[in-house]
Amino acid sequence: MQLVYPRLSIDLEQDSFVVWVRWVSNEQPPSPAEPPSQGVRVELLLNRNSVLGPTIVYRRDLAAPVFLRANHLRVAEVLRAAARGPARLDIQLVIHGSIAHAPYAALYLVRDESAGEAIGAAELPGTPLLQVQPSTPADRWHVAGQANLRVTLELEGVRRHLTVLRD
């Protein structure tokens, strides 16, 4: 028996990892101010290297879903190092902690020729690579969760250089 991992092809120039955060609450009436400082603390790790966060997004800022773009230079550095080895990439999306009922975080790989904003508000139609939504009873106020994915990494557009030796 041989393990087979899904293949993830990434263009270092155009692709970005984006964490989309929203708040799904069933409480009636909604109470974004009670208790104070409700929010979610999220982090994205590639091969155990943090490329986003841990960062806190407060519930008051989640009236509409928010996306957070991972640090492009740090992502490229980690991916290049991963490609030099067995070309495996471990992706981990973590909600370290949240106060209140319903944080939701999803990880997308997006292609965008522009540099893109680090933080923004937009719908991301489609299926995420990973998603985390801890379920917790209404009488619990602290939740956490994580999702992991191992893929075979393929970097697009990476130039291979030959070393030329001269006497």
C-alpha atoms as a PDB file:
ATOM      1  CA  MET A   1       0.000   0.000   0.000  1.00  0.00           C
ATOM      2  CA  GLN A   2       1.318   3.445  -0.933  1.00  0.00           C
ATOM      3  CA  LEU A   3       0.133   6.792   0.387  1.00  0.00           C
ATOM      4  CA  VAL A   4      -1.041   9.201  -2.282  1.00  0.00           C
ATOM      5  CA  TYR A   5      -1.494  12.888  -1.556  1.00  0.00           C
ATOM      6  CA  PRO A   6      -3.450  15.400  -3.633  1.00  0.00           C
ATOM      7  CA  ARG A   7      -1.268  17.632  -5.804  1.00  0.00           C
ATOM      8  CA  LEU A   8      -1.315  21.365  -5.204  1.00  0.00           C
ATOM      9  CA  SER A   9       0.176  23.479  -7.965  1.00  0.00           C
ATOM     10  CA  ILE A  10       1.172  27.005  -6.932  1.00  0.00           C
ATOM     11  CA  ASP A  11       2.469  29.923  -8.983  1.00  0.00           C
ATOM     12  CA  LEU A  12       4.663  31.937  -6.618  1.00  0.00           C
ATOM     13  CA  GLU A  13       4.144  35.120  -8.632  1.00  0.00           C
ATOM     14  CA  GLN A  14       0.339  35.085  -8.836  1.00  0.00           C
ATOM     15  CA  ASP A  15      -1.081  32.822  -6.118  1.00  0.00           C
ATOM     16  CA  SER A  16      -1.886  33.719  -2.532  1.00  0.00           C
ATOM     17  CA  PHE A  17      -3.242  31.901   0.470  1.00  0.00           C
ATOM     18  CA  VAL A  18      -6.274  33.729   1.838  1.00  0.00           C
ATOM     19  CA  VAL A  19      -8.035  33.008   5.133  1.00  0.00           C
ATOM     20  CA  TRP A  20     -11.684  34.010   5.045  1.00  0.00           C
ATOM     21  CA  VAL A  21     -13.236  34.683   8.458  1.00  0.00           C
ATOM     22  CA  ARG A  22     -16.893  35.134   9.291  1.00  0.00           C
ATOM     23  CA  TRP A  23     -19.132  34.993  12.298  1.00  0.00           C
ATOM     24  CA  VAL A  24     -22.112  32.640  12.287  1.00  0.00           C
ATOM     25  CA  SER A  25     -24.219  33.254  15.334  1.00  0.00           C
ATOM     26  CA  ASN A  26     -27.572  31.807  16.326  1.00  0.00           C
ATOM     27  CA  GLU A  27     -28.041  33.989  19.376  1.00  0.00           C
ATOM     28  CA  GLN A  28     -31.211  36.064  19.492  1.00  0.00           C
ATOM     29  CA  PRO A  29     -30.894  38.978  19.686  1.00  0.00           C
ATOM     30  CA  PRO A  30     -27.292  39.243  18.419  1.00  0.00           C
ATOM     31  CA  SER A  31     -24.905  40.728  20.964  1.00  0.00           C
ATOM     32  CA  PRO A  32     -21.632  41.670  19.250  1.00  0.00           C
ATOM     33  CA  ALA A  33     -20.659  43.890  22.188  1.00  0.00           C
ATOM     34  CA  GLU A  34     -21.393  41.405  25.006  1.00  0.00           C
ATOM     35  CA  PRO A  35     -19.121  40.067  26.311  1.00  0.00           C
ATOM     36  CA  PRO A  36     -16.599  42.729  25.300  1.00  0.00           C
ATOM     37  CA  SER A  37     -13.788  41.890  22.908  1.00  0.00           C
ATOM     38  CA  GLN A  38     -15.487  38.951  21.232  1.00  0.00           C
ATOM     39  CA  GLY A  39     -13.430  37.722  18.352  1.00  0.00           C
ATOM     40  CA  VAL A  40     -11.483  34.929  16.792  1.00  0.00           C
ATOM     41  CA  ARG A  41      -7.729  34.334  16.743  1.00  0.00           C
ATOM     42  CA  VAL A  42      -6.628  32.551  13.564  1.00  0.00           C
ATOM     43  CA  GLU A  43      -3.313  31.288  12.239  1.00  0.00           C
ATOM     44  CA  LEU A  44      -2.120  29.651   9.024  1.00  0.00           C
ATOM     45  CA  LEU A  45       0.950  27.408   9.097  1.00  0.00           C
ATOM     46  CA  LEU A  46       2.816  25.826   6.191  1.00  0.00           C
ATOM     47  CA  ASN A  47       5.168  23.010   7.218  1.00  0.00           C
ATOM     48  CA  ARG A  48       4.842  24.275  10.807  1.00  0.00           C
ATOM     49  CA  ASN A  49       5.935  27.794   9.766  1.00  0.00           C
ATOM     50  CA  SER A  50       3.491  30.562  10.540  1.00  0.00           C
ATOM     51  CA  VAL A  51       2.669  32.605   7.418  1.00  0.00           C
ATOM     52  CA  LEU A  52      -0.383  34.391   8.854  1.00  0.00           C
ATOM     53  CA  GLY A  53      -0.994  35.300  12.456  1.00  0.00           C
ATOM     54  CA  PRO A  54      -1.905  34.323  14.978  1.00  0.00           C
ATOM     55  CA  THR A  55      -4.058  37.377  14.492  1.00  0.00           C
ATOM     56  CA  ILE A  56      -7.271  38.481  16.151  1.00  0.00           C
ATOM     57  CA  VAL A  57     -10.329  39.559  14.194  1.00  0.00           C
ATOM     58  CA  TYR A  58     -12.953  41.138  16.441  1.00  0.00           C
ATOM     59  CA  ARG A  59     -16.616  40.306  16.048  1.00  0.00           C
ATOM     60  CA  ARG A  60     -17.465  43.977  15.655  1.00  0.00           C
ATOM     61  CA  ASP A  61     -15.348  43.915  12.471  1.00  0.00           C
ATOM     62  CA  LEU A  62     -17.149  40.842  11.145  1.00  0.00           C
ATOM     63  CA  ALA A  63     -20.490  42.392  10.228  1.00  0.00           C
ATOM     64  CA  ALA A  64     -19.436  41.238   6.757  1.00  0.00           C
ATOM     65  CA  PRO A  65     -16.937  38.411   6.170  1.00  0.00           C
ATOM     66  CA  VAL A  66     -13.278  39.439   6.129  1.00  0.00           C
ATOM     67  CA  PHE A  67     -10.353  37.912   4.284  1.00  0.00           C
ATOM     68  CA  LEU A  68      -6.735  37.956   5.437  1.00  0.00           C
ATOM     69  CA  ARG A  69      -3.962  37.374   2.895  1.00  0.00           C
ATOM     70  CA  ALA A  70      -0.913  35.427   4.094  1.00  0.00           C
ATOM     71  CA  ASN A  71       2.463  37.162   3.899  1.00  0.00           C
ATOM     72  CA  HIS A  72       3.527  36.609   0.277  1.00  0.00           C
ATOM     73  CA  LEU A  73       7.298  36.708   0.884  1.00  0.00           C
ATOM     74  CA  ARG A  74       7.114  34.320   3.832  1.00  0.00           C
ATOM     75  CA  VAL A  75       4.869  31.913   1.884  1.00  0.00           C
ATOM     76  CA  ALA A  76       7.291  31.912  -1.075  1.00  0.00           C
ATOM     77  CA  GLU A  77      10.241  31.237   1.253  1.00  0.00           C
ATOM     78  CA  VAL A  78       8.500  28.270   2.912  1.00  0.00           C
ATOM     79  CA  LEU A  79       7.276  26.847  -0.402  1.00  0.00           C
ATOM     80  CA  ARG A  80      10.720  27.051  -2.023  1.00  0.00           C
ATOM     81  CA  ALA A  81      12.224  25.220   0.950  1.00  0.00           C
ATOM     82  CA  ALA A  82       9.495  22.562   0.787  1.00  0.00           C
ATOM     83  CA  ALA A  83      10.049  22.071  -2.953  1.00  0.00           C
ATOM     84  CA  ARG A  84      13.761  21.314  -2.356  1.00  0.00           C
ATOM     85  CA  GLY A  85      12.875  18.294  -0.228  1.00  0.00           C
ATOM     86  CA  PRO A  86      10.322  15.579  -0.865  1.00  0.00           C
ATOM     87  CA  ALA A  87       7.889  18.263  -2.172  1.00  0.00           C
ATOM     88  CA  ARG A  88       5.346  17.680   0.575  1.00  0.00           C
ATOM     89  CA  LEU A  89       3.448  20.546   2.133  1.00  0.00           C
ATOM     90  CA  ASP A  90       1.572  20.336   5.422  1.00  0.00           C
ATOM     91  CA  ILE A  91      -1.098  23.018   5.641  1.00  0.00           C
ATOM     92  CA  GLN A  92      -2.659  23.826   8.999  1.00  0.00           C
ATOM     93  CA  LEU A  93      -5.474  26.282   9.681  1.00  0.00           C
ATOM     94  CA  VAL A  94      -5.989  26.994  13.376  1.00  0.00           C
ATOM     95  CA  ILE A  95      -8.558  28.837  15.417  1.00  0.00           C
ATOM     96  CA  HIS A  96      -6.563  29.300  18.620  1.00  0.00           C
ATOM     97  CA  GLY A  97      -9.448  30.638  20.562  1.00  0.00           C
ATOM     98  CA  SER A  98     -12.644  32.496  20.263  1.00  0.00           C
ATOM     99  CA  ILE A  99     -15.003  34.045  22.706  1.00  0.00           C
ATOM    100  CA  ALA A 100     -18.643  33.294  21.972  1.00  0.00           C
ATOM    101  CA  HIS A 101     -20.470  30.890  19.783  1.00  0.00           C
ATOM    102  CA  ALA A 102     -19.542  30.789  16.174  1.00  0.00           C
ATOM    103  CA  PRO A 103     -16.252  31.628  14.509  1.00  0.00           C
ATOM    104  CA  TYR A 104     -15.672  30.244  11.034  1.00  0.00           C
ATOM    105  CA  ALA A 105     -12.390  30.269   9.106  1.00  0.00           C
ATOM    106  CA  ALA A 106     -11.717  28.907   5.628  1.00  0.00           C
ATOM    107  CA  LEU A 107      -8.527  28.703   3.587  1.00  0.00           C
ATOM    108  CA  TYR A 108      -8.493  29.460  -0.132  1.00  0.00           C
ATOM    109  CA  LEU A 109      -5.746  29.501  -2.718  1.00  0.00           C
ATOM    110  CA  VAL A 110      -6.465  32.442  -5.034  1.00  0.00           C
ATOM    111  CA  ARG A 111      -4.835  33.623  -8.231  1.00  0.00           C
ATOM    112  CA  ASP A 112      -4.477  37.371  -8.501  1.00  0.00           C
ATOM    113  CA  GLU A 113      -1.966  39.119 -10.759  1.00  0.00           C
ATOM    114  CA  SER A 114      -2.075  42.269  -8.636  1.00  0.00           C
ATOM    115  CA  ALA A 115      -0.363  42.452  -5.279  1.00  0.00           C
ATOM    116  CA  GLY A 116      -3.766  42.408  -3.580  1.00  0.00           C
ATOM    117  CA  GLU A 117      -4.813  43.815  -0.261  1.00  0.00           C
ATOM    118  CA  ALA A 118      -3.674  42.158   2.959  1.00  0.00           C
ATOM    119  CA  ILE A 119      -7.119  42.607   4.534  1.00  0.00           C
ATOM    120  CA  GLY A 120     -10.415  43.058   2.787  1.00  0.00           C
ATOM    121  CA  ALA A 121     -14.090  42.255   2.746  1.00  0.00           C
ATOM    122  CA  ALA A 122     -15.375  40.120  -0.078  1.00  0.00           C
ATOM    123  CA  GLU A 123     -17.291  36.958  -0.776  1.00  0.00           C
ATOM    124  CA  LEU A 124     -15.143  34.089  -1.974  1.00  0.00           C
ATOM    125  CA  PRO A 125     -17.384  31.768  -3.976  1.00  0.00           C
ATOM    126  CA  GLY A 126     -16.172  28.222  -4.192  1.00  0.00           C
ATOM    127  CA  THR A 127     -15.000  25.421  -1.969  1.00  0.00           C
ATOM    128  CA  PRO A 128     -12.124  26.122   0.430  1.00  0.00           C
ATOM    129  CA  LEU A 129      -9.062  23.916   0.788  1.00  0.00           C
ATOM    130  CA  LEU A 130      -9.694  23.761   4.542  1.00  0.00           C
ATOM    131  CA  GLN A 131     -12.337  25.074   6.888  1.00  0.00           C
ATOM    132  CA  VAL A 132     -12.736  25.200  10.639  1.00  0.00           C
ATOM    133  CA  GLN A 133     -15.946  25.870  12.513  1.00  0.00           C
ATOM    134  CA  PRO A 134     -15.867  24.548  16.044  1.00  0.00           C
ATOM    135  CA  SER A 135     -19.272  23.578  17.330  1.00  0.00           C
ATOM    136  CA  THR A 136     -19.868  24.458  20.902  1.00  0.00           C
ATOM    137  CA  PRO A 137     -22.898  24.554  23.162  1.00  0.00           C
ATOM    138  CA  ALA A 138     -24.385  27.949  23.954  1.00  0.00           C
ATOM    139  CA  ASP A 139     -23.160  27.789  27.548  1.00  0.00           C
ATOM    140  CA  ARG A 140     -19.484  27.524  26.494  1.00  0.00           C
ATOM    141  CA  TRP A 141     -17.551  30.665  25.705  1.00  0.00           C
ATOM    142  CA  HIS A 142     -14.129  29.459  24.663  1.00  0.00           C
ATOM    143  CA  VAL A 143     -13.683  27.364  21.545  1.00  0.00           C
ATOM    144  CA  ALA A 144     -10.726  26.271  19.425  1.00  0.00           C
ATOM    145  CA  GLY A 145     -10.158  24.017  16.453  1.00  0.00           C
ATOM    146  CA  GLN A 146      -7.819  23.134  13.630  1.00  0.00           C
ATOM    147  CA  ALA A 147      -7.792  21.482  10.227  1.00  0.00           C
ATOM    148  CA  ASN A 148      -4.809  19.896   8.492  1.00  0.00           C
ATOM    149  CA  LEU A 149      -4.051  18.882   4.929  1.00  0.00           C
ATOM    150  CA  ARG A 150      -0.952  17.250   3.431  1.00  0.00           C
ATOM    151  CA  VAL A 151      -0.371  17.760  -0.284  1.00  0.00           C
ATOM    152  CA  THR A 152       2.270  17.079  -2.880  1.00  0.00           C
ATOM    153  CA  LEU A 153       3.671  20.471  -3.844  1.00  0.00           C
ATOM    154  CA  GLU A 154       4.342  21.567  -7.385  1.00  0.00           C
ATOM    155  CA  LEU A 155       5.650  25.076  -8.043  1.00  0.00           C
ATOM    156  CA  GLU A 156       4.681  26.606 -11.381  1.00  0.00           C
ATOM    157  CA  GLY A 157       6.914  29.005 -13.220  1.00  0.00           C
ATOM    158  CA  VAL A 158       9.939  28.212 -11.091  1.00  0.00           C
ATOM    159  CA  ARG A 159      12.998  28.626 -13.228  1.00  0.00           C
ATOM    160  CA  ARG A 160      15.702  26.065 -12.941  1.00  0.00           C
ATOM    161  CA  HIS A 161      19.203  27.469 -13.219  1.00  0.00           C
ATOM    162  CA  LEU A 162      22.276  25.598 -14.280  1.00  0.00           C
ATOM    163  CA  THR A 163      25.548  26.668 -12.777  1.00  0.00           C
ATOM    164  CA  VAL A 164      28.062  27.491 -15.458  1.00  0.00           C
ATOM    165  CA  LEU A 165      31.649  26.917 -14.463  1.00  0.00           C
ATOM    166  CA  ARG A 166      34.425  28.727 -16.308  1.00  0.00           C
ATOM    167  CA  ASP A 167      38.154  28.312 -16.022  1.00  0.00           C
END
